[in-house]
C-alpha atoms as a PDB file:
ATOM      1  CA  MET A   1     -11.720 -13.619  10.706  1.00  0.00           C
ATOM      2  CA  SER A   2     -11.013 -14.200  14.373  1.00  0.00           C
ATOM      3  CA  ASP A   3     -10.723 -11.419  16.904  1.00  0.00           C
ATOM      4  CA  GLY A   4      -7.092 -12.355  17.528  1.00  0.00           C
ATOM      5  CA  LYS A   5      -7.388 -12.548  21.307  1.00  0.00           C
ATOM      6  CA  ALA A   6      -7.465 -16.333  21.529  1.00  0.00           C
ATOM      7  CA  GLN A   7      -4.546 -16.781  19.150  1.00  0.00           C
ATOM      8  CA  PRO A   8      -0.905 -15.727  19.503  1.00  0.00           C
ATOM      9  CA  ASN A   9       0.261 -12.682  17.612  1.00  0.00           C
ATOM     10  CA  GLY A  10       0.817 -13.170  13.869  1.00  0.00           C
ATOM     11  CA  THR A  11      -1.316 -16.296  13.434  1.00  0.00           C
ATOM     12  CA  THR A  12      -4.189 -14.549  11.667  1.00  0.00           C
ATOM     13  CA  SER A  13      -1.932 -12.815   9.147  1.00  0.00           C
ATOM     14  CA  ALA A  14      -0.104 -16.075   8.442  1.00  0.00           C
ATOM     15  CA  GLN A  15      -3.418 -17.843   7.827  1.00  0.00           C
ATOM     16  CA  THR A  16      -4.665 -15.134   5.473  1.00  0.00           C
ATOM     17  CA  THR A  17      -1.420 -15.202   3.514  1.00  0.00           C
ATOM     18  CA  ALA A  18      -1.492 -18.994   3.273  1.00  0.00           C
ATOM     19  CA  SER A  19      -5.135 -19.196   2.185  1.00  0.00           C
ATOM     20  CA  GLY A  20      -5.452 -16.162  -0.075  1.00  0.00           C
ATOM     21  CA  GLY A  21      -1.883 -15.641  -1.222  1.00  0.00           C
ATOM     22  CA  VAL A  22      -2.146 -11.901  -0.605  1.00  0.00           C
ATOM     23  CA  PRO A  23      -3.567  -9.874   2.317  1.00  0.00           C
ATOM     24  CA  HIS A  24      -7.082  -8.551   1.791  1.00  0.00           C
ATOM     25  CA  HIS A  25      -6.354  -4.836   2.111  1.00  0.00           C
ATOM     26  CA  VAL A  26      -3.770  -4.705  -0.672  1.00  0.00           C
ATOM     27  CA  ILE A  27      -6.119  -5.067  -3.636  1.00  0.00           C
ATOM     28  CA  THR A  28      -8.521  -2.151  -3.243  1.00  0.00           C
ATOM     29  CA  GLY A  29      -9.366   0.596  -5.686  1.00  0.00           C
ATOM     30  CA  LYS A  30      -8.868   3.288  -3.055  1.00  0.00           C
ATOM     31  CA  GLU A  31      -5.306   2.193  -2.308  1.00  0.00           C
ATOM     32  CA  VAL A  32      -4.475   1.913  -6.013  1.00  0.00           C
ATOM     33  CA  ALA A  33      -5.863   5.386  -6.681  1.00  0.00           C
ATOM     34  CA  ARG A  34      -3.947   6.813  -3.717  1.00  0.00           C
ATOM     35  CA  ASN A  35      -0.730   5.191  -4.934  1.00  0.00           C
ATOM     36  CA  TRP A  36      -1.231   6.682  -8.414  1.00  0.00           C
ATOM     37  CA  VAL A  37      -1.940  10.114  -6.910  1.00  0.00           C
ATOM     38  CA  ILE A  38       1.208   9.908  -4.782  1.00  0.00           C
ATOM     39  CA  PHE A  39       3.222   8.690  -7.777  1.00  0.00           C
ATOM     40  CA  PHE A  40       2.046  11.475 -10.084  1.00  0.00           C
ATOM     41  CA  ALA A  41       2.443  14.126  -7.384  1.00  0.00           C
ATOM     42  CA  GLY A  42       5.988  12.948  -6.739  1.00  0.00           C
ATOM     43  CA  MET A  43       6.814  12.933 -10.448  1.00  0.00           C
ATOM     44  CA  ALA A  44       5.353  16.418 -10.931  1.00  0.00           C
ATOM     45  CA  ALA A  45       7.303  17.739  -7.952  1.00  0.00           C
ATOM     46  CA  LEU A  46      10.485  16.124  -9.269  1.00  0.00           C
ATOM     47  CA  MET A  47      10.007  17.568 -12.763  1.00  0.00           C
ATOM     48  CA  THR A  48       9.175  21.029 -11.424  1.00  0.00           C
ATOM     49  CA  GLY A  49      12.109  20.965  -9.024  1.00  0.00           C
ATOM     50  CA  SER A  50      14.622  19.831 -11.632  1.00  0.00           C
ATOM     51  CA  TYR A  51      13.300  22.342 -14.204  1.00  0.00           C
ATOM     52  CA  TRP A  52      13.525  25.180 -11.679  1.00  0.00           C
ATOM     53  CA  LEU A  53      16.970  24.027 -10.578  1.00  0.00           C
ATOM     54  CA  PHE A  54      18.576  23.721 -14.011  1.00  0.00           C
ATOM     55  CA  SER A  55      16.919  26.624 -15.813  1.00  0.00           C
END
């Protein structure tokens, strides 16, 4: 990883994408867990809202 000061903007991200295929921060357990929590919270809110609305 370079500090980014010597290179123009966007070069580091392009290099990481070219070498690794995916950015480093995408595949982490914390992000996956957070996405699942958000997904389930959204689904629960949707179910509760629709049940309260139509009952």
